[in-house]
PDB file of all heavy atoms in Angstrom:
ATOM      1  N   LEU A   1       0.811  -1.205   0.000  1.00  0.00           N
ATOM      2  CA  LEU A   1       0.000   0.000   0.000  1.00  0.00           C
ATOM      3  C   LEU A   1       0.849   1.262   0.000  1.00  0.00           C
ATOM      4  O   LEU A   1       0.497   2.273  -0.603  1.00  0.00           O
ATOM      5  CB  LEU A   1      -0.929   0.005   1.223  1.00  0.00           C
ATOM      6  CG  LEU A   1      -2.131  -0.948   1.152  1.00  0.00           C
ATOM      7  CD1 LEU A   1      -2.809  -1.054   2.508  1.00  0.00           C
ATOM      8  CD2 LEU A   1      -3.130  -0.482   0.106  1.00  0.00           C
ATOM      9  N   GLN A   2       2.006   1.206   0.663  1.00  0.00           N
ATOM     10  CA  GLN A   2       2.828   2.401   0.804  1.00  0.00           C
ATOM     11  C   GLN A   2       3.959   2.488  -0.224  1.00  0.00           C
ATOM     12  O   GLN A   2       4.711   3.452  -0.217  1.00  0.00           O
ATOM     13  CB  GLN A   2       3.445   2.423   2.215  1.00  0.00           C
ATOM     14  CG  GLN A   2       2.397   2.491   3.318  1.00  0.00           C
ATOM     15  CD  GLN A   2       3.014   2.451   4.694  1.00  0.00           C
ATOM     16  OE1 GLN A   2       3.661   3.400   5.122  1.00  0.00           O
ATOM     17  NE2 GLN A   2       2.831   1.348   5.405  1.00  0.00           N
ATOM     18  N   SER A   3       4.052   1.486  -1.075  1.00  0.00           N
ATOM     19  CA  SER A   3       5.151   1.472  -2.046  1.00  0.00           C
ATOM     20  C   SER A   3       4.976   2.556  -3.101  1.00  0.00           C
ATOM     21  O   SER A   3       3.935   3.197  -3.196  1.00  0.00           O
ATOM     22  CB  SER A   3       5.238   0.099  -2.720  1.00  0.00           C
ATOM     23  OG  SER A   3       4.055  -0.189  -3.418  1.00  0.00           O
ATOM     24  N   SER A   4       5.992   2.724  -3.920  1.00  0.00           N
ATOM     25  CA  SER A   4       5.954   3.713  -4.993  1.00  0.00           C
ATOM     26  C   SER A   4       4.887   3.319  -5.998  1.00  0.00           C
ATOM     27  O   SER A   4       4.365   2.214  -5.947  1.00  0.00           O
ATOM     28  CB  SER A   4       7.318   3.791  -5.664  1.00  0.00           C
ATOM     29  OG  SER A   4       7.688   2.522  -6.166  1.00  0.00           O
ATOM     30  N   PRO A   5       4.544   4.197  -6.956  1.00  0.00           N
ATOM     31  CA  PRO A   5       3.495   3.894  -7.921  1.00  0.00           C
ATOM     32  C   PRO A   5       3.641   2.524  -8.551  1.00  0.00           C
ATOM     33  O   PRO A   5       4.679   1.893  -8.503  1.00  0.00           O
ATOM     34  CB  PRO A   5       3.635   5.022  -8.944  1.00  0.00           C
ATOM     35  CG  PRO A   5       4.155   6.158  -8.147  1.00  0.00           C
ATOM     36  CD  PRO A   5       5.077   5.547  -7.123  1.00  0.00           C
ATOM     37  N   ALA A   6       2.545   2.098  -9.187  1.00  0.00           N
ATOM     38  CA  ALA A   6       2.372   0.697  -9.558  1.00  0.00           C
ATOM     39  C   ALA A   6       3.548   0.058 -10.282  1.00  0.00           C
ATOM     40  O   ALA A   6       3.741  -1.139 -10.196  1.00  0.00           O
ATOM     41  CB  ALA A   6       1.122   0.574 -10.426  1.00  0.00           C
ATOM     42  N   GLY A   7       4.343   0.844 -10.980  1.00  0.00           N
ATOM     43  CA  GLY A   7       5.474   0.264 -11.693  1.00  0.00           C
ATOM     44  C   GLY A   7       6.437  -0.462 -10.789  1.00  0.00           C
ATOM     45  O   GLY A   7       7.163  -1.352 -11.215  1.00  0.00           O
ATOM     46  N   GLY A   8       6.468  -0.056  -9.500  1.00  0.00           N
ATOM     47  CA  GLY A   8       7.389  -0.685  -8.566  1.00  0.00           C
ATOM     48  C   GLY A   8       6.808  -1.864  -7.835  1.00  0.00           C
ATOM     49  O   GLY A   8       7.474  -2.470  -6.997  1.00  0.00           O
ATOM     50  N   VAL A   9       5.544  -2.215  -8.097  1.00  0.00           N
ATOM     51  CA  VAL A   9       4.887  -3.316  -7.418  1.00  0.00           C
ATOM     52  C   VAL A   9       5.130  -4.611  -8.164  1.00  0.00           C
ATOM     53  O   VAL A   9       5.032  -4.676  -9.389  1.00  0.00           O
ATOM     54  CB  VAL A   9       3.366  -3.047  -7.311  1.00  0.00           C
ATOM     55  CG1 VAL A   9       2.643  -4.275  -6.790  1.00  0.00           C
ATOM     56  CG2 VAL A   9       3.106  -1.856  -6.415  1.00  0.00           C
ATOM     57  N   SER A  10       5.472  -5.647  -7.423  1.00  0.00           N
ATOM     58  CA  SER A  10       5.636  -6.962  -8.032  1.00  0.00           C
ATOM     59  C   SER A  10       4.265  -7.607  -8.138  1.00  0.00           C
ATOM     60  O   SER A  10       3.722  -8.113  -7.157  1.00  0.00           O
ATOM     61  CB  SER A  10       6.569  -7.830  -7.173  1.00  0.00           C
ATOM     62  OG  SER A  10       6.693  -9.113  -7.731  1.00  0.00           O
ATOM     63  N   ALA A  11       3.670  -7.554  -9.333  1.00  0.00           N
ATOM     64  CA  ALA A  11       2.315  -8.045  -9.543  1.00  0.00           C
ATOM     65  C   ALA A  11       2.336  -9.464 -10.104  1.00  0.00           C
ATOM     66  O   ALA A  11       3.260  -9.852 -10.829  1.00  0.00           O
ATOM     67  CB  ALA A  11       1.560  -7.122 -10.491  1.00  0.00           C
ATOM     68  N   ASN A  12       1.292 -10.208  -9.796  1.00  0.00           N
ATOM     69  CA  ASN A  12       1.156 -11.546 -10.373  1.00  0.00           C
ATOM     70  C   ASN A  12       0.781 -11.470 -11.848  1.00  0.00           C
ATOM     71  O   ASN A  12       1.279 -12.244 -12.658  1.00  0.00           O
ATOM     72  CB  ASN A  12       0.086 -12.336  -9.616  1.00  0.00           C
ATOM     73  CG  ASN A  12       0.477 -12.603  -8.171  1.00  0.00           C
ATOM     74  OD1 ASN A  12       0.207 -11.790  -7.297  1.00  0.00           O
ATOM     75  ND2 ASN A  12       1.134 -13.726  -7.925  1.00  0.00           N
ATOM     76  N   VAL A  13      -0.109 -10.531 -12.184  1.00  0.00           N
ATOM     77  CA  VAL A  13      -0.513 -10.331 -13.575  1.00  0.00           C
ATOM     78  C   VAL A  13      -0.744  -8.847 -13.818  1.00  0.00           C
ATOM     79  O   VAL A  13      -0.918  -8.064 -12.875  1.00  0.00           O
ATOM     80  CB  VAL A  13      -1.792 -11.118 -13.939  1.00  0.00           C
ATOM     81  CG1 VAL A  13      -1.558 -12.620 -13.881  1.00  0.00           C
ATOM     82  CG2 VAL A  13      -2.947 -10.717 -13.047  1.00  0.00           C
ATOM     83  N   VAL A  14      -0.756  -8.477 -15.099  1.00  0.00           N
ATOM     84  CA  VAL A  14      -0.961  -7.082 -15.501  1.00  0.00           C
ATOM     85  C   VAL A  14      -2.159  -7.004 -16.441  1.00  0.00           C
ATOM     86  O   VAL A  14      -2.306  -7.827 -17.354  1.00  0.00           O
ATOM     87  CB  VAL A  14       0.294  -6.518 -16.198  1.00  0.00           C
ATOM     88  CG1 VAL A  14       0.033  -5.103 -16.697  1.00  0.00           C
ATOM     89  CG2 VAL A  14       1.486  -6.544 -15.246  1.00  0.00           C
ATOM     90  N   VAL A  15      -3.009  -6.012 -16.197  1.00  0.00           N
ATOM     91  CA  VAL A  15      -4.139  -5.723 -17.082  1.00  0.00           C
ATOM     92  C   VAL A  15      -3.821  -4.452 -17.849  1.00  0.00           C
ATOM     93  O   VAL A  15      -3.436  -3.443 -17.261  1.00  0.00           O
ATOM     94  CB  VAL A  15      -5.443  -5.539 -16.283  1.00  0.00           C
ATOM     95  CG1 VAL A  15      -6.596  -5.152 -17.212  1.00  0.00           C
ATOM     96  CG2 VAL A  15      -5.787  -6.801 -15.506  1.00  0.00           C
ATOM     97  N   ALA A  16      -3.970  -4.507 -19.166  1.00  0.00           N
ATOM     98  CA  ALA A  16      -3.721  -3.321 -20.006  1.00  0.00           C
ATOM     99  C   ALA A  16      -4.663  -3.354 -21.201  1.00  0.00           C
ATOM    100  O   ALA A  16      -4.753  -4.370 -21.908  1.00  0.00           O
ATOM    101  CB  ALA A  16      -2.269  -3.286 -20.476  1.00  0.00           C
ATOM    102  N   LYS A  17      -5.355  -2.251 -21.446  1.00  0.00           N
ATOM    103  CA  LYS A  17      -6.309  -2.195 -22.555  1.00  0.00           C
ATOM    104  C   LYS A  17      -5.625  -2.346 -23.912  1.00  0.00           C
ATOM    105  O   LYS A  17      -6.226  -2.842 -24.869  1.00  0.00           O
ATOM    106  CB  LYS A  17      -7.076  -0.867 -22.521  1.00  0.00           C
ATOM    107  CG  LYS A  17      -8.039  -0.735 -21.351  1.00  0.00           C
ATOM    108  CD  LYS A  17      -8.902   0.495 -21.500  1.00  0.00           C
ATOM    109  CE  LYS A  17      -9.879   0.332 -22.666  1.00  0.00           C
ATOM    110  NZ  LYS A  17     -10.815   1.460 -22.759  1.00  0.00           N
ATOM    111  N   ASP A  18      -4.369  -1.932 -23.985  1.00  0.00           N
ATOM    112  CA  ASP A  18      -3.676  -1.951 -25.279  1.00  0.00           C
ATOM    113  C   ASP A  18      -3.032  -3.301 -25.591  1.00  0.00           C
ATOM    114  O   ASP A  18      -2.323  -3.439 -26.604  1.00  0.00           O
ATOM    115  CB  ASP A  18      -2.625  -0.846 -25.332  1.00  0.00           C
ATOM    116  CG  ASP A  18      -1.554  -1.001 -24.245  1.00  0.00           C
ATOM    117  OD1 ASP A  18      -1.565  -2.028 -23.533  1.00  0.00           O
ATOM    118  OD2 ASP A  18      -0.716  -0.088 -24.111  1.00  0.00           O
ATOM    119  N   GLY A  19      -3.230  -4.276 -24.740  1.00  0.00           N
ATOM    120  CA  GLY A  19      -2.706  -5.612 -25.021  1.00  0.00           C
ATOM    121  C   GLY A  19      -1.285  -5.842 -24.567  1.00  0.00           C
ATOM    122  O   GLY A  19      -0.717  -6.910 -24.815  1.00  0.00           O
ATOM    123  N   THR A  20      -0.690  -4.893 -23.837  1.00  0.00           N
ATOM    124  CA  THR A  20       0.696  -5.053 -23.394  1.00  0.00           C
ATOM    125  C   THR A  20       0.806  -5.825 -22.079  1.00  0.00           C
ATOM    126  O   THR A  20       1.908  -6.053 -21.593  1.00  0.00           O
ATOM    127  CB  THR A  20       1.372  -3.676 -23.223  1.00  0.00           C
ATOM    128  OG1 THR A  20       0.607  -2.886 -22.301  1.00  0.00           O
ATOM    129  CG2 THR A  20       1.440  -2.958 -24.567  1.00  0.00           C
ATOM    130  N   GLY A  21      -0.325  -6.213 -21.509  1.00  0.00           N
ATOM    131  CA  GLY A  21      -0.312  -6.980 -20.273  1.00  0.00           C
ATOM    132  C   GLY A  21      -0.751  -8.415 -20.510  1.00  0.00           C
ATOM    133  O   GLY A  21      -0.809  -8.901 -21.645  1.00  0.00           O
ATOM    134  N   ASN A  22      -1.095  -9.087 -19.425  1.00  0.00           N
ATOM    135  CA  ASN A  22      -1.584 -10.460 -19.518  1.00  0.00           C
ATOM    136  C   ASN A  22      -3.050 -10.522 -19.930  1.00  0.00           C
ATOM    137  O   ASN A  22      -3.493 -11.501 -20.550  1.00  0.00           O
ATOM    138  CB  ASN A  22      -1.415 -11.168 -18.171  1.00  0.00           C
ATOM    139  CG  ASN A  22       0.011 -11.129 -17.664  1.00  0.00           C
ATOM    140  OD1 ASN A  22       0.362 -10.253 -16.877  1.00  0.00           O
ATOM    141  ND2 ASN A  22       0.852 -12.053 -18.132  1.00  0.00           N
ATOM    142  N   TYR A  23      -3.800  -9.484 -19.570  1.00  0.00           N
ATOM    143  CA  TYR A  23      -5.227  -9.446 -19.881  1.00  0.00           C
ATOM    144  C   TYR A  23      -5.617  -8.032 -20.294  1.00  0.00           C
ATOM    145  O   TYR A  23      -4.962  -7.059 -19.922  1.00  0.00           O
ATOM    146  CB  TYR A  23      -6.057  -9.866 -18.656  1.00  0.00           C
ATOM    147  CG  TYR A  23      -5.704 -11.229 -18.129  1.00  0.00           C
ATOM    148  CD1 TYR A  23      -4.818 -11.375 -17.056  1.00  0.00           C
ATOM    149  CD2 TYR A  23      -6.228 -12.389 -18.698  1.00  0.00           C
ATOM    150  CE1 TYR A  23      -4.476 -12.621 -16.573  1.00  0.00           C
ATOM    151  CE2 TYR A  23      -5.887 -13.650 -18.222  1.00  0.00           C
ATOM    152  CZ  TYR A  23      -5.009 -13.757 -17.160  1.00  0.00           C
ATOM    153  OH  TYR A  23      -4.662 -15.003 -16.689  1.00  0.00           O
ATOM    154  N   ARG A  24      -6.723  -7.948 -21.047  1.00  0.00           N
ATOM    155  CA  ARG A  24      -7.214  -6.643 -21.483  1.00  0.00           C
ATOM    156  C   ARG A  24      -8.292  -6.075 -20.569  1.00  0.00           C
ATOM    157  O   ARG A  24      -8.580  -4.881 -20.633  1.00  0.00           O
ATOM    158  CB  ARG A  24      -7.766  -6.740 -22.916  1.00  0.00           C
ATOM    159  CG  ARG A  24      -6.685  -6.958 -23.977  1.00  0.00           C
ATOM    160  CD  ARG A  24      -7.306  -7.059 -25.360  1.00  0.00           C
ATOM    161  NE  ARG A  24      -6.306  -7.252 -26.397  1.00  0.00           N
ATOM    162  CZ  ARG A  24      -5.699  -6.261 -27.053  1.00  0.00           C
ATOM    163  NH1 ARG A  24      -6.025  -5.004 -26.778  1.00  0.00           N
ATOM    164  NH2 ARG A  24      -4.796  -6.527 -27.974  1.00  0.00           N
ATOM    165  N   THR A  25      -8.933  -6.924 -19.747  1.00  0.00           N
ATOM    166  CA  THR A  25      -9.982  -6.454 -18.849  1.00  0.00           C
ATOM    167  C   THR A  25      -9.707  -6.920 -17.426  1.00  0.00           C
ATOM    168  O   THR A  25      -9.037  -7.931 -17.199  1.00  0.00           O
ATOM    169  CB  THR A  25     -11.372  -6.973 -19.266  1.00  0.00           C
ATOM    170  OG1 THR A  25     -11.440  -8.388 -19.059  1.00  0.00           O
ATOM    171  CG2 THR A  25     -11.660  -6.650 -20.726  1.00  0.00           C
ATOM    172  N   VAL A  26     -10.258  -6.168 -16.477  1.00  0.00           N
ATOM    173  CA  VAL A  26     -10.112  -6.526 -15.066  1.00  0.00           C
ATOM    174  C   VAL A  26     -10.844  -7.832 -14.780  1.00  0.00           C
ATOM    175  O   VAL A  26     -10.349  -8.697 -14.047  1.00  0.00           O
ATOM    176  CB  VAL A  26     -10.660  -5.394 -14.166  1.00  0.00           C
ATOM    177  CG1 VAL A  26     -10.537  -5.778 -12.693  1.00  0.00           C
ATOM    178  CG2 VAL A  26      -9.934  -4.082 -14.447  1.00  0.00           C
ATOM    179  N   SER A  27     -12.007  -8.000 -15.375  1.00  0.00           N
ATOM    180  CA  SER A  27     -12.806  -9.208 -15.145  1.00  0.00           C
ATOM    181  C   SER A  27     -12.050 -10.466 -15.554  1.00  0.00           C
ATOM    182  O   SER A  27     -12.105 -11.493 -14.856  1.00  0.00           O
ATOM    183  CB  SER A  27     -14.131  -9.127 -15.914  1.00  0.00           C
ATOM    184  OG  SER A  27     -14.921  -8.054 -15.454  1.00  0.00           O
ATOM    185  N   GLU A  28     -11.330 -10.411 -16.672  1.00  0.00           N
ATOM    186  CA  GLU A  28     -10.561 -11.578 -17.124  1.00  0.00           C
ATOM    187  C   GLU A  28      -9.460 -11.927 -16.128  1.00  0.00           C
ATOM    188  O   GLU A  28      -9.229 -13.104 -15.833  1.00  0.00           O
ATOM    189  CB  GLU A  28      -9.942 -11.285 -18.500  1.00  0.00           C
ATOM    190  CG  GLU A  28     -10.938 -11.244 -19.632  1.00  0.00           C
ATOM    191  CD  GLU A  28     -10.306 -10.803 -20.944  1.00  0.00           C
ATOM    192  OE1 GLU A  28      -9.320 -10.031 -20.897  1.00  0.00           O
ATOM    193  OE2 GLU A  28     -10.792 -11.228 -22.000  1.00  0.00           O
ATOM    194  N   ALA A  29      -8.798 -10.914 -15.605  1.00  0.00           N
ATOM    195  CA  ALA A  29      -7.724 -11.151 -14.641  1.00  0.00           C
ATOM    196  C   ALA A  29      -8.273 -11.743 -13.344  1.00  0.00           C
ATOM    197  O   ALA A  29      -7.674 -12.653 -12.767  1.00  0.00           O
ATOM    198  CB  ALA A  29      -6.974  -9.850 -14.365  1.00  0.00           C
ATOM    199  N   VAL A  30      -9.403 -11.240 -12.885  1.00  0.00           N
ATOM    200  CA  VAL A  30     -10.016 -11.770 -11.664  1.00  0.00           C
ATOM    201  C   VAL A  30     -10.469 -13.206 -11.879  1.00  0.00           C
ATOM    202  O   VAL A  30     -10.279 -14.072 -11.016  1.00  0.00           O
ATOM    203  CB  VAL A  30     -11.204 -10.881 -11.234  1.00  0.00           C
ATOM    204  CG1 VAL A  30     -11.991 -11.540 -10.104  1.00  0.00           C
ATOM    205  CG2 VAL A  30     -10.712  -9.497 -10.811  1.00  0.00           C
ATOM    206  N   LYS A  31     -11.046 -13.488 -13.030  1.00  0.00           N
ATOM    207  CA  LYS A  31     -11.511 -14.843 -13.323  1.00  0.00           C
ATOM    208  C   LYS A  31     -10.362 -15.840 -13.319  1.00  0.00           C
ATOM    209  O   LYS A  31     -10.510 -16.994 -12.897  1.00  0.00           O
ATOM    210  CB  LYS A  31     -12.212 -14.862 -14.686  1.00  0.00           C
ATOM    211  CG  LYS A  31     -12.820 -16.210 -15.048  1.00  0.00           C
ATOM    212  CD  LYS A  31     -13.545 -16.135 -16.387  1.00  0.00           C
ATOM    213  CE  LYS A  31     -14.137 -17.500 -16.755  1.00  0.00           C
ATOM    214  NZ  LYS A  31     -14.848 -17.437 -18.084  1.00  0.00           N
ATOM    215  N   ALA A  32      -9.188 -15.418 -13.768  1.00  0.00           N
ATOM    216  CA  ALA A  32      -8.025 -16.311 -13.848  1.00  0.00           C
ATOM    217  C   ALA A  32      -7.284 -16.446 -12.517  1.00  0.00           C
ATOM    218  O   ALA A  32      -6.423 -17.315 -12.378  1.00  0.00           O
ATOM    219  CB  ALA A  32      -7.059 -15.801 -14.918  1.00  0.00           C
ATOM    220  N   ALA A  33      -7.608 -15.610 -11.538  1.00  0.00           N
ATOM    221  CA  ALA A  33      -6.925 -15.658 -10.240  1.00  0.00           C
ATOM    222  C   ALA A  33      -7.287 -16.944  -9.495  1.00  0.00           C
ATOM    223  O   ALA A  33      -8.334 -17.545  -9.747  1.00  0.00           O
ATOM    224  CB  ALA A  33      -7.309 -14.438  -9.410  1.00  0.00           C
ATOM    225  N   PRO A  34      -6.441 -17.387  -8.580  1.00  0.00           N
ATOM    226  CA  PRO A  34      -6.739 -18.598  -7.807  1.00  0.00           C
ATOM    227  C   PRO A  34      -8.051 -18.444  -7.041  1.00  0.00           C
ATOM    228  O   PRO A  34      -8.332 -17.380  -6.482  1.00  0.00           O
ATOM    229  CB  PRO A  34      -5.558 -18.710  -6.844  1.00  0.00           C
ATOM    230  CG  PRO A  34      -4.475 -17.884  -7.439  1.00  0.00           C
ATOM    231  CD  PRO A  34      -5.140 -16.788  -8.192  1.00  0.00           C
ATOM    232  N   SER A  35      -8.842 -19.494  -7.011  1.00  0.00           N
ATOM    233  CA  SER A  35     -10.118 -19.444  -6.291  1.00  0.00           C
ATOM    234  C   SER A  35      -9.900 -19.346  -4.788  1.00  0.00           C
ATOM    235  O   SER A  35     -10.630 -18.657  -4.077  1.00  0.00           O
ATOM    236  CB  SER A  35     -10.956 -20.684  -6.621  1.00  0.00           C
ATOM    237  OG  SER A  35     -11.299 -20.696  -7.992  1.00  0.00           O
ATOM    238  N   TYR A  36      -8.883 -20.058  -4.298  1.00  0.00           N
ATOM    239  CA  TYR A  36      -8.570 -20.030  -2.868  1.00  0.00           C
ATOM    240  C   TYR A  36      -7.065 -19.849  -2.712  1.00  0.00           C
ATOM    241  O   TYR A  36      -6.285 -20.616  -3.251  1.00  0.00           O
ATOM    242  CB  TYR A  36      -9.017 -21.317  -2.180  1.00  0.00           C
ATOM    243  CG  TYR A  36     -10.495 -21.589  -2.316  1.00  0.00           C
ATOM    244  CD1 TYR A  36     -10.974 -22.445  -3.295  1.00  0.00           C
ATOM    245  CD2 TYR A  36     -11.414 -20.970  -1.473  1.00  0.00           C
ATOM    246  CE1 TYR A  36     -12.333 -22.680  -3.435  1.00  0.00           C
ATOM    247  CE2 TYR A  36     -12.768 -21.201  -1.597  1.00  0.00           C
ATOM    248  CZ  TYR A  36     -13.227 -22.063  -2.583  1.00  0.00           C
ATOM    249  OH  TYR A  36     -14.566 -22.287  -2.721  1.00  0.00           O
TER     250      TYR A  36
END
């Protein structure tokens, strides 16, 4: 929460509308996340 802007966060996946991430929509990324 206190880290520098998102570029410095170690994320499991990236959402980007332009296709430069793992998914184009937030819903797709949430659906692919572990259930538990």
